[in-house]
Amino acid sequence: MNRRILALISTTALVAASFVGCADNDVAGPSEASNIQAAAEIIAADDFFTSDLNYLDDGDVSMAKVDTAIIPRVWGRRIDRNSLQRNVVTTVLNDTTMESVVTHTFTGTFWIRARMQGDTTVRTYLKPFTEQTVRRVVLSKVANTAEPRRNWRIIEVSAMEGGTISSPQVNIDNVTFFIGSDTLSISDPLAYAMRLGRPLRLGGMPELPPTFNDDFRVRVTITSSDTGNFVAAHRPYWTLATGWRYRAPMQLVSSTNNGGGTVTSVYEHTWRGVWSGRHHLMISAVTQSSLFDNVAPFSSEIWGIPFLVQ
């Protein structure tokens, strides 16, 4: 993740310089500092950037069951809601375009309810963790009033990349989103920008109809030294048994031994039912040792794809 972020920072000006906004008039507007502050406020209030904790926090871990008959009984993230730190670094590229890199950092505890081999006693194991999510945003000037927040509009959002900060042991290589006859494939989240108001085939953001009749499918490819990682799609869904849930297990489709101690695996998930608004589909990969080893650190990687339902 870090090498991609460094590459992004070095190419920010080149990537974003091609986007041009427009001003309503020629009245002298707010200062650059006010515009930068406005960018942070616009981002903080936008639905694209408010879902991280809701989607990743499993809450009551007694409801987050492992699907196979293994020693761990239940597991899940429990995030400290007060720990969220949002860092917005904004660059004013020209009079009509700003670009922001948005980093969310939060801490929590990974809970595992498990029994040891040959022991019927169920114990609780706690693993503290710190995770980050990173996105890139482009804002365009649409007015030139005395109120900075009215002057700027988000026109482009990148895919999201994140995970544990300390030595992640699992790597997401690709996420592919299937929407009807359209396919969106991402191999470098922060470099993949999606423009609002454009169709997917022309570099736009995925747009889904508000329906419960169509299937939507996501496929993820991961590489890890572990042979049995846990990969989940995080999105809101409703069940009669548990109410609102946010973590759905993805199904293993194939696994290839690469030699040299690594394995590449492909997982898929299909669902129905979306509603109007701005959303993120998040994919998290958690190492097998995070769950099966009571002393190994929690290790994850997270990617996310923004999409619209309208």
C-alpha atoms as a PDB file:
ATOM      1  CA  MET A   1       0.000   0.000   0.000  1.00  0.00           C
ATOM      2  CA  ASN A   2       2.744   2.502   0.909  1.00  0.00           C
ATOM      3  CA  ARG A   3       4.533   2.311  -2.420  1.00  0.00           C
ATOM      4  CA  ARG A   4       1.298   3.107  -4.228  1.00  0.00           C
ATOM      5  CA  ILE A   5       0.624   6.098  -2.013  1.00  0.00           C
ATOM      6  CA  LEU A   6       4.128   7.452  -2.634  1.00  0.00           C
ATOM      7  CA  ALA A   7       3.691   7.010  -6.358  1.00  0.00           C
ATOM      8  CA  LEU A   8       0.381   8.824  -6.170  1.00  0.00           C
ATOM      9  CA  ILE A   9       1.829  11.815  -4.335  1.00  0.00           C
ATOM     10  CA  SER A  10       4.579  12.210  -6.910  1.00  0.00           C
ATOM     11  CA  THR A  11       2.090  12.219  -9.787  1.00  0.00           C
ATOM     12  CA  THR A  12      -0.803  14.136  -8.232  1.00  0.00           C
ATOM     13  CA  ALA A  13      -0.333  17.339 -10.199  1.00  0.00           C
ATOM     14  CA  LEU A  14      -0.005  15.518 -13.519  1.00  0.00           C
ATOM     15  CA  VAL A  15      -3.122  13.417 -12.999  1.00  0.00           C
ATOM     16  CA  ALA A  16      -5.432  16.156 -11.788  1.00  0.00           C
ATOM     17  CA  ALA A  17      -4.298  19.002 -14.023  1.00  0.00           C
ATOM     18  CA  SER A  18      -6.498  17.718 -16.842  1.00  0.00           C
ATOM     19  CA  PHE A  19      -9.742  18.413 -14.964  1.00  0.00           C
ATOM     20  CA  VAL A  20     -11.258  21.845 -15.462  1.00  0.00           C
ATOM     21  CA  GLY A  21     -14.206  23.388 -13.623  1.00  0.00           C
ATOM     22  CA  CYS A  22     -16.078  26.594 -14.179  1.00  0.00           C
ATOM     23  CA  ALA A  23     -16.976  29.702 -12.179  1.00  0.00           C
ATOM     24  CA  ASP A  24     -20.317  31.475 -12.264  1.00  0.00           C
ATOM     25  CA  ASN A  25     -18.859  34.964 -12.302  1.00  0.00           C
ATOM     26  CA  ASP A  26     -15.694  36.973 -11.859  1.00  0.00           C
ATOM     27  CA  VAL A  27     -16.290  38.217  -8.305  1.00  0.00           C
ATOM     28  CA  ALA A  28     -13.203  37.898  -6.102  1.00  0.00           C
ATOM     29  CA  GLY A  29     -13.734  34.732  -4.121  1.00  0.00           C
ATOM     30  CA  PRO A  30     -12.473  33.384  -0.794  1.00  0.00           C
ATOM     31  CA  SER A  31      -8.790  32.861  -0.041  1.00  0.00           C
ATOM     32  CA  GLU A  32      -6.885  29.697  -0.859  1.00  0.00           C
ATOM     33  CA  ALA A  33      -6.877  28.708   2.815  1.00  0.00           C
ATOM     34  CA  SER A  34     -10.674  29.076   2.918  1.00  0.00           C
ATOM     35  CA  ASN A  35     -11.029  26.911  -0.178  1.00  0.00           C
ATOM     36  CA  ILE A  36      -8.820  24.207   1.338  1.00  0.00           C
ATOM     37  CA  GLN A  37     -10.924  24.270   4.515  1.00  0.00           C
ATOM     38  CA  ALA A  38     -14.062  24.039   2.378  1.00  0.00           C
ATOM     39  CA  ALA A  39     -12.698  20.917   0.688  1.00  0.00           C
ATOM     40  CA  ALA A  40     -12.249  19.233   4.081  1.00  0.00           C
ATOM     41  CA  GLU A  41     -15.794  20.172   5.140  1.00  0.00           C
ATOM     42  CA  ILE A  42     -17.357  18.983   1.880  1.00  0.00           C
ATOM     43  CA  ILE A  43     -15.547  15.656   2.128  1.00  0.00           C
ATOM     44  CA  ALA A  44     -16.483  15.192   5.799  1.00  0.00           C
ATOM     45  CA  ALA A  45     -20.178  15.633   4.968  1.00  0.00           C
ATOM     46  CA  ASP A  46     -20.268  13.434   1.854  1.00  0.00           C
ATOM     47  CA  ASP A  47     -21.709   9.913   2.040  1.00  0.00           C
ATOM     48  CA  PHE A  48     -18.734   8.513   0.140  1.00  0.00           C
ATOM     49  CA  PHE A  49     -16.562   9.143   3.228  1.00  0.00           C
ATOM     50  CA  THR A  50     -18.829   8.258   6.145  1.00  0.00           C
ATOM     51  CA  SER A  51     -19.188   4.487   5.718  1.00  0.00           C
ATOM     52  CA  ASP A  52     -15.812   3.124   6.868  1.00  0.00           C
ATOM     53  CA  LEU A  53     -16.599   2.498  10.524  1.00  0.00           C
ATOM     54  CA  ASN A  54     -20.180   1.377   9.888  1.00  0.00           C
ATOM     55  CA  TYR A  55     -19.193  -1.219   7.300  1.00  0.00           C
ATOM     56  CA  LEU A  56     -16.060  -2.575   9.004  1.00  0.00           C
ATOM     57  CA  ASP A  57     -17.204  -2.648  12.639  1.00  0.00           C
ATOM     58  CA  ASP A  58     -18.789  -6.041  13.373  1.00  0.00           C
ATOM     59  CA  GLY A  59     -20.243  -4.846  16.670  1.00  0.00           C
ATOM     60  CA  ASP A  60     -21.471  -7.832  18.682  1.00  0.00           C
ATOM     61  CA  VAL A  61     -19.008 -10.528  17.589  1.00  0.00           C
ATOM     62  CA  SER A  62     -21.378 -13.255  18.738  1.00  0.00           C
ATOM     63  CA  MET A  63     -23.326 -12.632  15.532  1.00  0.00           C
ATOM     64  CA  ALA A  64     -20.294 -12.734  13.201  1.00  0.00           C
ATOM     65  CA  LYS A  65     -20.026 -16.480  12.728  1.00  0.00           C
ATOM     66  CA  VAL A  66     -17.293 -18.378  10.934  1.00  0.00           C
ATOM     67  CA  ASP A  67     -18.847 -20.533   8.218  1.00  0.00           C
ATOM     68  CA  THR A  68     -16.682 -23.655   8.565  1.00  0.00           C
ATOM     69  CA  ALA A  69     -16.203 -26.125  11.437  1.00  0.00           C
ATOM     70  CA  ILE A  70     -12.962 -24.745  12.887  1.00  0.00           C
ATOM     71  CA  ILE A  71     -11.689 -24.024  16.387  1.00  0.00           C
ATOM     72  CA  PRO A  72     -12.631 -20.309  16.297  1.00  0.00           C
ATOM     73  CA  ARG A  73     -16.340 -20.044  17.069  1.00  0.00           C
ATOM     74  CA  VAL A  74     -17.000 -16.375  16.345  1.00  0.00           C
ATOM     75  CA  TRP A  75     -14.831 -13.399  15.435  1.00  0.00           C
ATOM     76  CA  GLY A  76     -14.999  -9.797  14.298  1.00  0.00           C
ATOM     77  CA  ARG A  77     -13.670  -6.252  14.471  1.00  0.00           C
ATOM     78  CA  ARG A  78     -14.815  -3.957  17.238  1.00  0.00           C
ATOM     79  CA  ILE A  79     -13.780  -0.408  16.344  1.00  0.00           C
ATOM     80  CA  ASP A  80     -13.368   2.443  18.798  1.00  0.00           C
ATOM     81  CA  ARG A  81     -15.683   5.028  17.252  1.00  0.00           C
ATOM     82  CA  ASN A  82     -13.854   7.851  19.020  1.00  0.00           C
ATOM     83  CA  SER A  83     -10.538   6.849  17.477  1.00  0.00           C
ATOM     84  CA  LEU A  84     -11.357   7.946  13.919  1.00  0.00           C
ATOM     85  CA  GLN A  85      -8.904  10.512  12.572  1.00  0.00           C
ATOM     86  CA  ARG A  86      -9.546  12.058   9.169  1.00  0.00           C
ATOM     87  CA  ASN A  87      -6.571  13.682   7.484  1.00  0.00           C
ATOM     88  CA  VAL A  88      -7.323  15.675   4.321  1.00  0.00           C
ATOM     89  CA  VAL A  89      -4.332  16.954   2.364  1.00  0.00           C
ATOM     90  CA  THR A  90      -5.535  19.324  -0.345  1.00  0.00           C
ATOM     91  CA  THR A  91      -3.558  20.748  -3.250  1.00  0.00           C
ATOM     92  CA  VAL A  92      -4.933  23.720  -5.193  1.00  0.00           C
ATOM     93  CA  LEU A  93      -3.969  22.809  -8.750  1.00  0.00           C
ATOM     94  CA  ASN A  94      -5.363  25.917 -10.426  1.00  0.00           C
ATOM     95  CA  ASP A  95      -8.181  28.454 -10.061  1.00  0.00           C
ATOM     96  CA  THR A  96     -10.862  25.857 -10.747  1.00  0.00           C
ATOM     97  CA  THR A  97      -9.500  22.519  -9.523  1.00  0.00           C
ATOM     98  CA  MET A  98      -8.444  21.088  -6.152  1.00  0.00           C
ATOM     99  CA  GLU A  99      -7.313  17.582  -5.309  1.00  0.00           C
ATOM    100  CA  SER A 100      -7.480  15.986  -1.868  1.00  0.00           C
ATOM    101  CA  VAL A 101      -5.983  12.796  -0.452  1.00  0.00           C
ATOM    102  CA  VAL A 102      -8.290  11.576   2.327  1.00  0.00           C
ATOM    103  CA  THR A 103      -6.846   9.235   4.971  1.00  0.00           C
ATOM    104  CA  HIS A 104      -8.961   7.676   7.718  1.00  0.00           C
ATOM    105  CA  THR A 105      -7.071   6.084  10.623  1.00  0.00           C
ATOM    106  CA  PHE A 106      -8.873   4.160  13.350  1.00  0.00           C
ATOM    107  CA  THR A 107      -8.086   1.655  16.076  1.00  0.00           C
ATOM    108  CA  GLY A 108      -9.961  -1.269  17.508  1.00  0.00           C
ATOM    109  CA  THR A 109      -9.804  -4.787  18.840  1.00  0.00           C
ATOM    110  CA  PHE A 110     -10.134  -8.019  16.895  1.00  0.00           C
ATOM    111  CA  TRP A 111     -12.208 -10.404  19.013  1.00  0.00           C
ATOM    112  CA  ILE A 112     -11.964 -14.178  18.702  1.00  0.00           C
ATOM    113  CA  ARG A 113     -14.146 -16.589  20.640  1.00  0.00           C
ATOM    114  CA  ALA A 114     -12.402 -19.939  20.312  1.00  0.00           C
ATOM    115  CA  ARG A 115     -11.444 -23.175  21.993  1.00  0.00           C
ATOM    116  CA  MET A 116      -8.018 -24.755  21.954  1.00  0.00           C
ATOM    117  CA  GLN A 117      -7.378 -28.143  20.373  1.00  0.00           C
ATOM    118  CA  GLY A 118      -8.535 -30.881  22.736  1.00  0.00           C
ATOM    119  CA  ASP A 119     -10.172 -28.376  25.092  1.00  0.00           C
ATOM    120  CA  THR A 120     -13.912 -27.731  25.275  1.00  0.00           C
ATOM    121  CA  THR A 121     -13.533 -24.402  27.089  1.00  0.00           C
ATOM    122  CA  VAL A 122     -14.326 -21.390  24.912  1.00  0.00           C
ATOM    123  CA  ARG A 123     -12.078 -18.414  25.587  1.00  0.00           C
ATOM    124  CA  THR A 124     -11.913 -14.841  24.273  1.00  0.00           C
ATOM    125  CA  TYR A 125      -8.726 -13.650  22.551  1.00  0.00           C
ATOM    126  CA  LEU A 126      -8.200  -9.949  21.898  1.00  0.00           C
ATOM    127  CA  LYS A 127      -5.866  -8.467  19.281  1.00  0.00           C
ATOM    128  CA  PRO A 128      -5.503  -4.673  19.067  1.00  0.00           C
ATOM    129  CA  PHE A 129      -5.098  -3.209  15.593  1.00  0.00           C
ATOM    130  CA  THR A 130      -4.796   0.038  13.677  1.00  0.00           C
ATOM    131  CA  GLU A 131      -6.188   0.286  10.148  1.00  0.00           C
ATOM    132  CA  GLN A 132      -6.235   3.008   7.507  1.00  0.00           C
ATOM    133  CA  THR A 133      -8.257   3.751   4.411  1.00  0.00           C
ATOM    134  CA  VAL A 134      -7.038   6.142   1.702  1.00  0.00           C
ATOM    135  CA  ARG A 135      -8.919   7.801  -1.174  1.00  0.00           C
ATOM    136  CA  ARG A 136      -8.205  10.524  -3.717  1.00  0.00           C
ATOM    137  CA  VAL A 137     -10.786  13.208  -4.528  1.00  0.00           C
ATOM    138  CA  VAL A 138     -11.005  15.924  -7.185  1.00  0.00           C
ATOM    139  CA  LEU A 139     -13.173  19.009  -6.611  1.00  0.00           C
ATOM    140  CA  SER A 140     -14.185  21.473  -9.317  1.00  0.00           C
ATOM    141  CA  LYS A 141     -15.191  25.100  -8.870  1.00  0.00           C
ATOM    142  CA  VAL A 142     -18.833  25.678  -9.782  1.00  0.00           C
ATOM    143  CA  ALA A 143     -19.443  29.144  -8.319  1.00  0.00           C
ATOM    144  CA  ASN A 144     -17.563  32.153  -6.950  1.00  0.00           C
ATOM    145  CA  THR A 145     -19.554  33.265  -3.929  1.00  0.00           C
ATOM    146  CA  ALA A 146     -18.366  34.482  -0.542  1.00  0.00           C
ATOM    147  CA  GLU A 147     -19.192  31.040   0.942  1.00  0.00           C
ATOM    148  CA  PRO A 148     -16.409  28.577   0.020  1.00  0.00           C
ATOM    149  CA  ARG A 149     -18.484  25.432   0.528  1.00  0.00           C
ATOM    150  CA  ARG A 150     -20.950  26.581  -2.133  1.00  0.00           C
ATOM    151  CA  ASN A 151     -18.193  27.095  -4.663  1.00  0.00           C
ATOM    152  CA  TRP A 152     -16.850  23.552  -4.942  1.00  0.00           C
ATOM    153  CA  ARG A 153     -18.270  20.197  -5.932  1.00  0.00           C
ATOM    154  CA  ILE A 154     -16.791  16.705  -5.854  1.00  0.00           C
ATOM    155  CA  ILE A 155     -16.472  15.508  -9.452  1.00  0.00           C
ATOM    156  CA  GLU A 156     -14.160  12.521  -9.108  1.00  0.00           C
ATOM    157  CA  VAL A 157     -13.398   9.861  -6.487  1.00  0.00           C
ATOM    158  CA  SER A 158     -10.775   7.145  -6.644  1.00  0.00           C
ATOM    159  CA  ALA A 159     -11.182   3.609  -5.426  1.00  0.00           C
ATOM    160  CA  MET A 160     -10.105   3.092  -1.807  1.00  0.00           C
ATOM    161  CA  GLU A 161      -7.079   1.226  -0.460  1.00  0.00           C
ATOM    162  CA  GLY A 162      -6.239   0.397   3.133  1.00  0.00           C
ATOM    163  CA  GLY A 163      -5.669  -2.198   5.803  1.00  0.00           C
ATOM    164  CA  THR A 164      -3.467  -2.696   8.822  1.00  0.00           C
ATOM    165  CA  ILE A 165      -0.524  -0.323   9.014  1.00  0.00           C
ATOM    166  CA  SER A 166       1.949  -2.768  10.552  1.00  0.00           C
ATOM    167  CA  SER A 167       3.329  -5.244   7.974  1.00  0.00           C
ATOM    168  CA  PRO A 168       0.191  -6.536   6.222  1.00  0.00           C
ATOM    169  CA  GLN A 169       0.654 -10.201   5.306  1.00  0.00           C
ATOM    170  CA  VAL A 170      -2.034 -10.376   2.623  1.00  0.00           C
ATOM    171  CA  ASN A 171      -2.239  -8.464  -0.664  1.00  0.00           C
ATOM    172  CA  ILE A 172      -5.297  -7.772  -2.784  1.00  0.00           C
ATOM    173  CA  ASP A 173      -4.209  -7.903  -6.422  1.00  0.00           C
ATOM    174  CA  ASN A 174      -7.448  -7.070  -8.212  1.00  0.00           C
ATOM    175  CA  VAL A 175     -11.130  -6.359  -7.631  1.00  0.00           C
ATOM    176  CA  THR A 176     -13.636  -6.781 -10.471  1.00  0.00           C
ATOM    177  CA  PHE A 177     -17.180  -5.449 -10.211  1.00  0.00           C
ATOM    178  CA  PHE A 178     -19.817  -6.930 -12.579  1.00  0.00           C
ATOM    179  CA  ILE A 179     -22.837  -4.707 -13.214  1.00  0.00           C
ATOM    180  CA  GLY A 180     -25.136  -6.110 -15.886  1.00  0.00           C
ATOM    181  CA  SER A 181     -23.090  -6.127 -19.094  1.00  0.00           C
ATOM    182  CA  ASP A 182     -20.477  -3.696 -17.679  1.00  0.00           C
ATOM    183  CA  THR A 183     -17.282  -4.755 -15.945  1.00  0.00           C
ATOM    184  CA  LEU A 184     -15.025  -2.622 -13.752  1.00  0.00           C
ATOM    185  CA  SER A 185     -11.575  -4.075 -13.004  1.00  0.00           C
ATOM    186  CA  ILE A 186      -9.196  -2.321 -10.586  1.00  0.00           C
ATOM    187  CA  SER A 187      -5.581  -3.264  -9.896  1.00  0.00           C
ATOM    188  CA  ASP A 188      -4.316   0.047  -8.439  1.00  0.00           C
ATOM    189  CA  PRO A 189      -7.084   1.689  -6.371  1.00  0.00           C
ATOM    190  CA  LEU A 190      -5.645   5.157  -5.812  1.00  0.00           C
ATOM    191  CA  ALA A 191      -4.674   5.514  -9.458  1.00  0.00           C
ATOM    192  CA  TYR A 192      -8.163   4.529 -10.647  1.00  0.00           C
ATOM    193  CA  ALA A 193     -10.366   7.624 -10.715  1.00  0.00           C
ATOM    194  CA  MET A 194     -14.114   7.561 -11.358  1.00  0.00           C
ATOM    195  CA  ARG A 195     -15.862  10.656 -12.676  1.00  0.00           C
ATOM    196  CA  LEU A 196     -19.370  11.431 -11.443  1.00  0.00           C
ATOM    197  CA  GLY A 197     -21.886  11.948 -14.219  1.00  0.00           C
ATOM    198  CA  ARG A 198     -20.092   9.790 -16.791  1.00  0.00           C
ATOM    199  CA  PRO A 199     -20.998   6.255 -17.881  1.00  0.00           C
ATOM    200  CA  LEU A 200     -18.741   3.478 -16.646  1.00  0.00           C
ATOM    201  CA  ARG A 201     -17.305   2.775 -20.099  1.00  0.00           C
ATOM    202  CA  LEU A 202     -16.073   6.391 -20.282  1.00  0.00           C
ATOM    203  CA  GLY A 203     -14.332   6.439 -16.912  1.00  0.00           C
ATOM    204  CA  GLY A 204     -17.417   7.119 -14.842  1.00  0.00           C
ATOM    205  CA  MET A 205     -18.487   5.736 -11.484  1.00  0.00           C
ATOM    206  CA  PRO A 206     -20.481   2.489 -11.327  1.00  0.00           C
ATOM    207  CA  GLU A 207     -24.182   3.302 -11.323  1.00  0.00           C
ATOM    208  CA  LEU A 208     -26.790   0.777 -10.257  1.00  0.00           C
ATOM    209  CA  PRO A 209     -30.579   0.963 -10.550  1.00  0.00           C
ATOM    210  CA  PRO A 210     -32.558   0.877  -7.278  1.00  0.00           C
ATOM    211  CA  THR A 211     -33.852  -2.654  -7.731  1.00  0.00           C
ATOM    212  CA  PHE A 212     -34.118  -5.957  -5.899  1.00  0.00           C
ATOM    213  CA  ASN A 213     -34.349  -7.985  -9.099  1.00  0.00           C
ATOM    214  CA  ASP A 214     -30.845  -7.783 -10.591  1.00  0.00           C
ATOM    215  CA  ASP A 215     -27.769  -9.697  -9.464  1.00  0.00           C
ATOM    216  CA  PHE A 216     -24.552  -7.812  -8.754  1.00  0.00           C
ATOM    217  CA  ARG A 217     -21.265  -9.671  -8.493  1.00  0.00           C
ATOM    218  CA  VAL A 218     -17.787  -8.871  -7.229  1.00  0.00           C
ATOM    219  CA  ARG A 219     -14.616 -10.918  -7.677  1.00  0.00           C
ATOM    220  CA  VAL A 220     -11.347 -10.424  -5.760  1.00  0.00           C
ATOM    221  CA  THR A 221      -7.893 -11.910  -6.321  1.00  0.00           C
ATOM    222  CA  ILE A 222      -5.486 -12.039  -3.373  1.00  0.00           C
ATOM    223  CA  THR A 223      -1.938 -13.283  -2.781  1.00  0.00           C
ATOM    224  CA  SER A 224      -0.726 -14.425   0.626  1.00  0.00           C
ATOM    225  CA  SER A 225       1.592 -16.835   2.368  1.00  0.00           C
ATOM    226  CA  ASP A 226      -1.463 -18.269   4.131  1.00  0.00           C
ATOM    227  CA  THR A 227      -3.491 -21.023   2.468  1.00  0.00           C
ATOM    228  CA  GLY A 228      -6.834 -20.147   4.033  1.00  0.00           C
ATOM    229  CA  ASN A 229      -7.558 -16.425   4.339  1.00  0.00           C
ATOM    230  CA  PHE A 230     -10.932 -14.946   5.221  1.00  0.00           C
ATOM    231  CA  VAL A 231     -12.310 -12.598   2.581  1.00  0.00           C
ATOM    232  CA  ALA A 232     -15.532 -10.640   3.006  1.00  0.00           C
ATOM    233  CA  ALA A 233     -17.636  -8.092   1.154  1.00  0.00           C
ATOM    234  CA  HIS A 234     -18.735  -5.228   3.391  1.00  0.00           C
ATOM    235  CA  ARG A 235     -22.005  -3.617   2.403  1.00  0.00           C
ATOM    236  CA  PRO A 236     -25.361  -3.050   4.118  1.00  0.00           C
ATOM    237  CA  TYR A 237     -27.812  -5.942   3.878  1.00  0.00           C
ATOM    238  CA  TRP A 238     -30.832  -7.098   5.845  1.00  0.00           C
ATOM    239  CA  THR A 239     -31.724 -10.528   7.215  1.00  0.00           C
ATOM    240  CA  LEU A 240     -34.784 -11.476   9.250  1.00  0.00           C
ATOM    241  CA  ALA A 241     -32.602 -13.331  11.759  1.00  0.00           C
ATOM    242  CA  THR A 242     -30.088 -10.575  12.550  1.00  0.00           C
ATOM    243  CA  GLY A 243     -31.437  -7.310  11.084  1.00  0.00           C
ATOM    244  CA  TRP A 244     -28.862  -5.063   9.456  1.00  0.00           C
ATOM    245  CA  ARG A 245     -25.516  -6.702   8.756  1.00  0.00           C
ATOM    246  CA  TYR A 246     -22.439  -5.384   6.943  1.00  0.00           C
ATOM    247  CA  ARG A 247     -20.103  -8.360   6.439  1.00  0.00           C
ATOM    248  CA  ALA A 248     -20.882 -11.100   3.920  1.00  0.00           C
ATOM    249  CA  PRO A 249     -18.384 -13.949   3.413  1.00  0.00           C
ATOM    250  CA  MET A 250     -17.026 -14.361  -0.114  1.00  0.00           C
ATOM    251  CA  GLN A 251     -16.809 -17.825  -1.637  1.00  0.00           C
ATOM    252  CA  LEU A 252     -13.481 -19.348  -2.700  1.00  0.00           C
ATOM    253  CA  VAL A 253     -13.499 -20.000  -6.469  1.00  0.00           C
ATOM    254  CA  SER A 254      -9.928 -21.102  -7.148  1.00  0.00           C
ATOM    255  CA  SER A 255      -6.494 -21.289  -5.519  1.00  0.00           C
ATOM    256  CA  THR A 256      -3.070 -21.543  -7.171  1.00  0.00           C
ATOM    257  CA  ASN A 257       0.228 -22.335  -5.462  1.00  0.00           C
ATOM    258  CA  ASN A 258       2.788 -19.916  -6.889  1.00  0.00           C
ATOM    259  CA  GLY A 259       5.794 -21.586  -5.327  1.00  0.00           C
ATOM    260  CA  GLY A 260       8.111 -19.642  -3.068  1.00  0.00           C
ATOM    261  CA  GLY A 261       5.610 -19.827  -0.226  1.00  0.00           C
ATOM    262  CA  THR A 262       2.740 -17.791  -1.722  1.00  0.00           C
ATOM    263  CA  VAL A 263      -0.743 -18.698  -2.892  1.00  0.00           C
ATOM    264  CA  THR A 264      -3.052 -16.726  -5.202  1.00  0.00           C
ATOM    265  CA  SER A 265      -6.775 -17.198  -4.534  1.00  0.00           C
ATOM    266  CA  VAL A 266      -9.937 -15.925  -6.205  1.00  0.00           C
ATOM    267  CA  TYR A 267     -13.155 -15.219  -4.276  1.00  0.00           C
ATOM    268  CA  GLU A 268     -16.615 -14.119  -5.456  1.00  0.00           C
ATOM    269  CA  HIS A 269     -19.768 -12.683  -3.921  1.00  0.00           C
ATOM    270  CA  THR A 270     -23.201 -12.084  -5.500  1.00  0.00           C
ATOM    271  CA  TRP A 271     -26.096 -10.145  -4.033  1.00  0.00           C
ATOM    272  CA  ARG A 272     -29.392  -8.455  -4.839  1.00  0.00           C
ATOM    273  CA  GLY A 273     -30.975  -5.317  -3.501  1.00  0.00           C
ATOM    274  CA  VAL A 274     -29.687  -1.751  -3.433  1.00  0.00           C
ATOM    275  CA  TRP A 275     -31.267   1.586  -2.595  1.00  0.00           C
ATOM    276  CA  SER A 276     -30.710   5.170  -3.725  1.00  0.00           C
ATOM    277  CA  GLY A 277     -27.659   7.069  -2.546  1.00  0.00           C
ATOM    278  CA  ARG A 278     -23.872   7.077  -2.542  1.00  0.00           C
ATOM    279  CA  HIS A 279     -22.274   3.858  -1.371  1.00  0.00           C
ATOM    280  CA  HIS A 280     -19.044   1.922  -1.041  1.00  0.00           C
ATOM    281  CA  LEU A 281     -18.515  -1.764  -1.588  1.00  0.00           C
ATOM    282  CA  MET A 282     -15.558  -2.757   0.603  1.00  0.00           C
ATOM    283  CA  ILE A 283     -13.533  -5.932   0.339  1.00  0.00           C
ATOM    284  CA  SER A 284     -11.433  -7.043   3.316  1.00  0.00           C
ATOM    285  CA  ALA A 285      -8.934  -9.899   3.375  1.00  0.00           C
ATOM    286  CA  VAL A 286      -7.816 -11.186   6.783  1.00  0.00           C
ATOM    287  CA  THR A 287      -4.977 -13.678   7.153  1.00  0.00           C
ATOM    288  CA  GLN A 288      -5.578 -17.158   8.460  1.00  0.00           C
ATOM    289  CA  SER A 289      -3.005 -16.627  11.219  1.00  0.00           C
ATOM    290  CA  SER A 290      -5.008 -13.610  12.432  1.00  0.00           C
ATOM    291  CA  LEU A 291      -7.759 -16.024  13.361  1.00  0.00           C
ATOM    292  CA  PHE A 292      -6.077 -19.351  14.124  1.00  0.00           C
ATOM    293  CA  ASP A 293      -2.975 -18.172  16.000  1.00  0.00           C
ATOM    294  CA  ASN A 294      -3.740 -16.654  19.377  1.00  0.00           C
ATOM    295  CA  VAL A 295      -0.489 -14.618  19.415  1.00  0.00           C
ATOM    296  CA  ALA A 296      -0.027 -13.657  15.738  1.00  0.00           C
ATOM    297  CA  PRO A 297      -0.998 -10.024  15.044  1.00  0.00           C
ATOM    298  CA  PHE A 298      -4.171  -9.130  13.201  1.00  0.00           C
ATOM    299  CA  SER A 299      -3.336  -8.430   9.549  1.00  0.00           C
ATOM    300  CA  SER A 300      -5.663  -7.209   6.796  1.00  0.00           C
ATOM    301  CA  GLU A 301      -5.936  -5.415   3.485  1.00  0.00           C
ATOM    302  CA  ILE A 302      -9.013  -3.445   2.428  1.00  0.00           C
ATOM    303  CA  TRP A 303     -10.094  -2.135  -0.977  1.00  0.00           C
ATOM    304  CA  GLY A 304     -13.263  -0.234  -1.754  1.00  0.00           C
ATOM    305  CA  ILE A 305     -15.242   0.787  -4.824  1.00  0.00           C
ATOM    306  CA  PRO A 306     -17.610   3.783  -4.681  1.00  0.00           C
ATOM    307  CA  PHE A 307     -20.885   3.472  -6.572  1.00  0.00           C
ATOM    308  CA  LEU A 308     -24.118   5.342  -7.111  1.00  0.00           C
ATOM    309  CA  VAL A 309     -27.680   4.038  -6.929  1.00  0.00           C
ATOM    310  CA  GLN A 310     -30.134   6.260  -8.775  1.00  0.00           C
END
